[in-house]
């Protein structure tokens, strides 16, 4: 784990990375960055528009580029759920700080994101959320410094678990 004062959140779409990240940043008095928002700002269009025009690969490339270009300290970074597909991006994020996986049960994710339509998810045609989880869970395990079990936890409880695990605040 790098000691640059950053916390990087990874996890499936709907795992609460942005929500938890904003609460955590506020509690710590840190900055907050959302790589999905950075991609959309740089591209001048939504993630869904990127998927619609150039396919899921366009989102993956843009996410990876944003991760490799981040230069921050004392920042909570919420990543796109597909960031783990890029080894280069994950190497860059590990250089920036502690990578935390928000592990949320598939049933809960399904309630939060439905089928993922219009969310700009980097899914291939015919994939569903279960397929995506089966593909990504090994990558989250591989890249996480810390896993937070988010089962039946409110965002504030997840934040408390992160603070406890990272010994920050």
Foldseek 3Di string as FASTA:
>chain_A
DADQQEEEEEEAVPLCLPVLQVVLCVVQVAAEEELQVVLCVVVVHHLQVQCVPPRLVSVQVSQQVSLQPDDDGNYYYYGHNCPLVDPSSLVSVVNNHAYEYRDEDLVSSCVRQPQVPPVNHRDDPPDGSVNVCVVCVVSSVVRHPYYDHCYPHDSVRSSVVVCVVVVGD
